[in-house]
C-alpha atoms as a PDB file:
ATOM      1  CA  MET A   1     102.115  34.843 153.709  1.00  0.00           C
ATOM      2  CA  SER A   2     102.716  32.571 156.707  1.00  0.00           C
ATOM      3  CA  ASN A   3     105.615  30.686 158.215  1.00  0.00           C
ATOM      4  CA  SER A   4     103.762  27.509 158.333  1.00  0.00           C
ATOM      5  CA  PRO A   5     105.181  24.446 156.407  1.00  0.00           C
ATOM      6  CA  SER A   6     103.748  23.764 153.016  1.00  0.00           C
ATOM      7  CA  GLY A   7     103.886  20.702 150.735  1.00  0.00           C
ATOM      8  CA  PRO A   8     104.416  17.259 152.015  1.00  0.00           C
ATOM      9  CA  ALA A   9     105.560  18.355 155.485  1.00  0.00           C
ATOM     10  CA  ARG A  10     102.246  20.278 156.027  1.00  0.00           C
ATOM     11  CA  ALA A  11     100.135  17.482 154.735  1.00  0.00           C
ATOM     12  CA  ARG A  12     101.805  14.935 157.057  1.00  0.00           C
ATOM     13  CA  ARG A  13     101.577  17.351 159.923  1.00  0.00           C
ATOM     14  CA  LEU A  14      97.872  18.058 159.479  1.00  0.00           C
ATOM     15  CA  GLY A  15      96.976  14.685 158.431  1.00  0.00           C
ATOM     16  CA  SER A  16      95.001  15.759 155.360  1.00  0.00           C
ATOM     17  CA  THR A  17      97.069  13.654 153.033  1.00  0.00           C
ATOM     18  CA  PRO A  18      98.004  10.396 154.606  1.00  0.00           C
ATOM     19  CA  VAL A  19     101.114   8.760 153.398  1.00  0.00           C
ATOM     20  CA  LYS A  20     100.510   5.149 152.451  1.00  0.00           C
ATOM     21  CA  ARG A  21     103.092   2.947 153.985  1.00  0.00           C
ATOM     22  CA  GLY A  22     105.468   1.032 151.740  1.00  0.00           C
ATOM     23  CA  LEU A  23     105.480  -2.590 151.158  1.00  0.00           C
ATOM     24  CA  LEU A  24     108.461  -4.637 152.395  1.00  0.00           C
ATOM     25  CA  PHE A  25     109.656  -7.583 150.035  1.00  0.00           C
ATOM     26  CA  ILE A  26     112.163 -10.125 151.110  1.00  0.00           C
ATOM     27  CA  VAL A  27     114.176 -11.875 148.524  1.00  0.00           C
ATOM     28  CA  SER A  28     116.224 -14.759 149.962  1.00  0.00           C
ATOM     29  CA  ALA A  29     118.219 -17.517 148.425  1.00  0.00           C
ATOM     30  CA  PRO A  30     121.341 -19.573 149.066  1.00  0.00           C
ATOM     31  CA  SER A  31     124.631 -17.886 148.412  1.00  0.00           C
ATOM     32  CA  GLY A  32     125.429 -17.632 144.692  1.00  0.00           C
ATOM     33  CA  THR A  33     121.845 -18.246 143.465  1.00  0.00           C
ATOM     34  CA  GLY A  34     121.517 -14.814 141.868  1.00  0.00           C
ATOM     35  CA  LYS A  35     119.145 -13.109 144.208  1.00  0.00           C
ATOM     36  CA  THR A  36     120.819  -9.726 143.978  1.00  0.00           C
ATOM     37  CA  THR A  37     120.877  -9.639 140.147  1.00  0.00           C
ATOM     38  CA  LEU A  38     117.206 -10.648 140.069  1.00  0.00           C
ATOM     39  CA  ALA A  39     116.218  -8.136 142.492  1.00  0.00           C
ATOM     40  CA  GLU A  40     118.300  -5.334 140.869  1.00  0.00           C
ATOM     41  CA  ARG A  41     116.379  -6.088 137.516  1.00  0.00           C
ATOM     42  CA  VAL A  42     112.960  -5.981 139.218  1.00  0.00           C
ATOM     43  CA  VAL A  43     113.642  -2.787 140.912  1.00  0.00           C
ATOM     44  CA  GLN A  44     114.847  -1.150 137.538  1.00  0.00           C
ATOM     45  CA  GLY A  45     111.221  -1.934 136.016  1.00  0.00           C
ATOM     46  CA  ILE A  46     109.093  -0.854 138.885  1.00  0.00           C
ATOM     47  CA  PRO A  47     108.424   2.700 139.946  1.00  0.00           C
ATOM     48  CA  ASN A  48     108.398   3.419 143.750  1.00  0.00           C
ATOM     49  CA  LEU A  49     110.656   0.120 144.400  1.00  0.00           C
ATOM     50  CA  CYS A  50     113.963   0.556 145.992  1.00  0.00           C
ATOM     51  CA  LEU A  51     116.622  -1.944 146.886  1.00  0.00           C
ATOM     52  CA  SER A  52     117.954  -2.000 150.388  1.00  0.00           C
ATOM     53  CA  ARG A  53     121.721  -1.885 150.735  1.00  0.00           C
ATOM     54  CA  SER A  54     123.003  -4.180 153.615  1.00  0.00           C
ATOM     55  CA  TYR A  55     125.867  -3.547 156.075  1.00  0.00           C
ATOM     56  CA  THR A  56     128.657  -6.178 155.911  1.00  0.00           C
ATOM     57  CA  SER A  57     131.857  -6.814 157.776  1.00  0.00           C
ATOM     58  CA  ARG A  58     133.458  -8.518 154.866  1.00  0.00           C
ATOM     59  CA  ALA A  59     135.974  -6.930 152.400  1.00  0.00           C
ATOM     60  CA  ALA A  60     134.584  -5.595 149.188  1.00  0.00           C
ATOM     61  CA  ARG A  61     135.080  -8.060 146.103  1.00  0.00           C
ATOM     62  CA  THR A  62     136.465  -6.771 142.902  1.00  0.00           C
ATOM     63  CA  GLY A  63     134.148  -4.159 141.351  1.00  0.00           C
ATOM     64  CA  GLU A  64     132.146  -3.612 144.558  1.00  0.00           C
ATOM     65  CA  GLU A  65     131.947  -0.040 145.895  1.00  0.00           C
ATOM     66  CA  ASP A  66     131.098   1.012 149.525  1.00  0.00           C
ATOM     67  CA  GLY A  67     127.760   2.836 149.788  1.00  0.00           C
ATOM     68  CA  VAL A  68     126.727   1.279 146.302  1.00  0.00           C
ATOM     69  CA  ASP A  69     126.925  -2.419 146.650  1.00  0.00           C
ATOM     70  CA  TYR A  70     127.093  -2.560 150.465  1.00  0.00           C
ATOM     71  CA  ASN A  71     127.786  -0.453 153.429  1.00  0.00           C
ATOM     72  CA  PHE A  72     131.219  -1.965 154.246  1.00  0.00           C
ATOM     73  CA  ILE A  73     132.248  -1.696 158.069  1.00  0.00           C
ATOM     74  CA  SER A  74     134.638  -3.236 160.305  1.00  0.00           C
ATOM     75  CA  ARG A  75     133.662  -6.463 162.222  1.00  0.00           C
ATOM     76  CA  GLN A  76     134.053  -4.389 165.375  1.00  0.00           C
ATOM     77  CA  ARG A  77     131.732  -1.607 164.265  1.00  0.00           C
ATOM     78  CA  PHE A  78     129.120  -4.251 163.321  1.00  0.00           C
ATOM     79  CA  GLU A  79     129.434  -5.869 166.733  1.00  0.00           C
ATOM     80  CA  GLU A  80     128.876  -2.536 168.229  1.00  0.00           C
ATOM     81  CA  MET A  81     125.673  -1.834 166.218  1.00  0.00           C
ATOM     82  CA  ALA A  82     124.200  -5.329 166.587  1.00  0.00           C
ATOM     83  CA  PRO A  83     123.347  -5.123 170.397  1.00  0.00           C
ATOM     84  CA  ASN A  84     121.984  -1.614 169.963  1.00  0.00           C
ATOM     85  CA  ARG A  85     119.204  -3.139 167.609  1.00  0.00           C
ATOM     86  CA  ASP A  86     120.437  -1.050 164.758  1.00  0.00           C
ATOM     87  CA  PHE A  87     119.815  -3.959 162.454  1.00  0.00           C
ATOM     88  CA  LEU A  88     116.501  -5.056 161.459  1.00  0.00           C
ATOM     89  CA  GLU A  89     117.949  -8.528 160.891  1.00  0.00           C
ATOM     90  CA  TRP A  90     121.625  -9.627 160.808  1.00  0.00           C
ATOM     91  CA  ALA A  91     123.505 -12.916 160.585  1.00  0.00           C
ATOM     92  CA  ASP A  92     126.890 -14.401 160.586  1.00  0.00           C
ATOM     93  CA  VAL A  93     127.149 -15.818 156.977  1.00  0.00           C
ATOM     94  CA  PHE A  94     130.317 -17.890 156.423  1.00  0.00           C
ATOM     95  CA  GLY A  95     132.310 -15.916 158.856  1.00  0.00           C
ATOM     96  CA  ASN A  96     131.145 -12.492 157.946  1.00  0.00           C
ATOM     97  CA  TYR A  97     128.418 -10.342 159.375  1.00  0.00           C
ATOM     98  CA  TYR A  98     125.472  -8.899 157.050  1.00  0.00           C
ATOM     99  CA  GLY A  99     122.701  -6.921 158.250  1.00  0.00           C
ATOM    100  CA  THR A 100     119.902  -4.552 157.251  1.00  0.00           C
ATOM    101  CA  CYS A 101     119.767  -1.122 159.038  1.00  0.00           C
ATOM    102  CA  ALA A 102     116.390  -0.810 160.870  1.00  0.00           C
ATOM    103  CA  ALA A 103     116.315   2.903 160.762  1.00  0.00           C
ATOM    104  CA  ASP A 104     116.839   3.134 156.976  1.00  0.00           C
ATOM    105  CA  THR A 105     114.109   0.459 156.458  1.00  0.00           C
ATOM    106  CA  GLU A 106     111.703   2.240 158.622  1.00  0.00           C
ATOM    107  CA  ARG A 107     112.424   5.603 157.024  1.00  0.00           C
ATOM    108  CA  CYS A 108     111.601   4.101 153.524  1.00  0.00           C
ATOM    109  CA  LEU A 109     108.421   2.357 154.439  1.00  0.00           C
ATOM    110  CA  ALA A 110     107.117   5.154 156.540  1.00  0.00           C
ATOM    111  CA  GLY A 111     107.757   7.574 153.563  1.00  0.00           C
ATOM    112  CA  GLY A 112     105.569   5.343 151.294  1.00  0.00           C
ATOM    113  CA  GLN A 113     108.569   3.818 149.436  1.00  0.00           C
ATOM    114  CA  ASP A 114     108.279   0.015 148.629  1.00  0.00           C
ATOM    115  CA  LEU A 115     111.583  -1.717 149.539  1.00  0.00           C
ATOM    116  CA  VAL A 116     113.239  -4.983 148.703  1.00  0.00           C
ATOM    117  CA  LEU A 117     115.634  -6.634 151.100  1.00  0.00           C
ATOM    118  CA  VAL A 118     118.227  -8.915 149.540  1.00  0.00           C
ATOM    119  CA  ILE A 119     119.115 -11.147 152.332  1.00  0.00           C
ATOM    120  CA  ASP A 120     120.168 -14.676 153.224  1.00  0.00           C
ATOM    121  CA  VAL A 121     117.819 -17.316 154.568  1.00  0.00           C
ATOM    122  CA  GLN A 122     118.737 -16.658 158.276  1.00  0.00           C
ATOM    123  CA  GLY A 123     117.959 -12.965 157.829  1.00  0.00           C
ATOM    124  CA  ALA A 124     114.655 -13.765 156.082  1.00  0.00           C
ATOM    125  CA  ARG A 125     113.654 -15.940 159.062  1.00  0.00           C
ATOM    126  CA  GLN A 126     114.439 -13.263 161.496  1.00  0.00           C
ATOM    127  CA  VAL A 127     112.221 -10.628 159.699  1.00  0.00           C
ATOM    128  CA  ARG A 128     109.390 -13.073 159.460  1.00  0.00           C
ATOM    129  CA  GLY A 129     109.647 -14.040 163.114  1.00  0.00           C
ATOM    130  CA  SER A 130     109.678 -10.291 164.144  1.00  0.00           C
ATOM    131  CA  GLY A 131     105.895  -9.924 163.003  1.00  0.00           C
ATOM    132  CA  ILE A 132     106.761  -7.114 160.567  1.00  0.00           C
ATOM    133  CA  GLU A 133     104.537  -7.353 157.425  1.00  0.00           C
ATOM    134  CA  SER A 134     106.256  -8.514 154.473  1.00  0.00           C
ATOM    135  CA  ILE A 135     106.087 -10.511 151.349  1.00  0.00           C
ATOM    136  CA  GLY A 136     108.736 -13.160 150.843  1.00  0.00           C
ATOM    137  CA  VAL A 137     110.352 -14.591 147.733  1.00  0.00           C
ATOM    138  CA  PHE A 138     112.759 -17.659 147.966  1.00  0.00           C
ATOM    139  CA  VAL A 139     114.804 -18.196 144.819  1.00  0.00           C
ATOM    140  CA  LEU A 140     115.784 -21.703 144.018  1.00  0.00           C
ATOM    141  CA  PRO A 141     119.175 -22.303 142.539  1.00  0.00           C
ATOM    142  CA  PRO A 142     119.403 -23.350 138.969  1.00  0.00           C
ATOM    143  CA  GLY A 143     120.910 -26.622 140.040  1.00  0.00           C
ATOM    144  CA  ASP A 144     124.051 -27.954 141.797  1.00  0.00           C
ATOM    145  CA  ALA A 145     126.458 -27.735 138.952  1.00  0.00           C
ATOM    146  CA  ALA A 146     125.287 -24.276 137.808  1.00  0.00           C
ATOM    147  CA  LEU A 147     125.401 -23.049 141.494  1.00  0.00           C
ATOM    148  CA  GLU A 148     128.949 -24.521 141.869  1.00  0.00           C
ATOM    149  CA  GLN A 149     130.029 -22.802 138.735  1.00  0.00           C
ATOM    150  CA  ARG A 150     128.646 -19.442 139.841  1.00  0.00           C
ATOM    151  CA  LEU A 151     130.390 -19.635 143.203  1.00  0.00           C
ATOM    152  CA  ARG A 152     133.719 -20.557 141.561  1.00  0.00           C
ATOM    153  CA  GLY A 153     133.340 -17.692 139.169  1.00  0.00           C
ATOM    154  CA  ARG A 154     132.428 -14.960 141.267  1.00  0.00           C
ATOM    155  CA  SER A 155     135.115 -14.839 144.089  1.00  0.00           C
ATOM    156  CA  LYS A 156     138.312 -16.177 145.220  1.00  0.00           C
ATOM    157  CA  ASP A 157     136.862 -18.525 147.982  1.00  0.00           C
ATOM    158  CA  SER A 158     138.995 -21.526 148.840  1.00  0.00           C
ATOM    159  CA  GLU A 159     137.709 -24.951 147.796  1.00  0.00           C
ATOM    160  CA  ALA A 160     136.636 -25.693 151.510  1.00  0.00           C
ATOM    161  CA  GLU A 161     134.644 -22.404 151.395  1.00  0.00           C
ATOM    162  CA  ILE A 162     132.990 -23.401 148.202  1.00  0.00           C
ATOM    163  CA  ARG A 163     132.181 -26.776 149.444  1.00  0.00           C
ATOM    164  CA  LYS A 164     130.651 -25.154 152.638  1.00  0.00           C
ATOM    165  CA  ARG A 165     128.439 -22.844 150.601  1.00  0.00           C
ATOM    166  CA  LEU A 166     127.104 -25.715 148.422  1.00  0.00           C
ATOM    167  CA  GLU A 167     126.218 -27.766 151.459  1.00  0.00           C
ATOM    168  CA  ALA A 168     124.446 -24.761 153.037  1.00  0.00           C
ATOM    169  CA  ALA A 169     122.522 -24.211 149.738  1.00  0.00           C
ATOM    170  CA  ARG A 170     121.416 -27.847 149.713  1.00  0.00           C
ATOM    171  CA  ARG A 171     120.305 -27.605 153.431  1.00  0.00           C
ATOM    172  CA  GLU A 172     118.422 -24.297 152.776  1.00  0.00           C
ATOM    173  CA  VAL A 173     116.592 -25.587 149.819  1.00  0.00           C
ATOM    174  CA  THR A 174     115.481 -28.655 151.777  1.00  0.00           C
ATOM    175  CA  GLU A 175     114.254 -26.378 154.498  1.00  0.00           C
ATOM    176  CA  PHE A 176     112.111 -24.278 152.137  1.00  0.00           C
END
């Protein structure tokens, strides 16, 4: 018996069984469109496809759990991580930071895991602009009235905040 590694560690070290790099999918859409719900359903039905979990500086909404829905961190911690390039992409979205951990993404892809990023339009632009190979999906809102109803029903945003999100959605759809 030898002390040399066996299984996947040995195969990677010796190069006898190359690991196929995972695919990176980007699902983006205006706020309230349903991109997370859509991506969660797709991930449930496709083996080897995982959903990335973003970091955010915003407070958890009712029913959300740290480490499940998002990695909730303080604004200060986010501002410390961003200049260190800890994020593949990040953006200030309606006054809160959101970002995708670069190391987590690379670890999944290098290990052969296909990964879905559910990110806003700003973040999707950053990933596309970085030259990282990815497949993008832009989800259109079901219509102004339905989008407004969703935004009003999901959180306790102020009227001004809802109006800001609706205007941003109209602009993002036009840019698409």
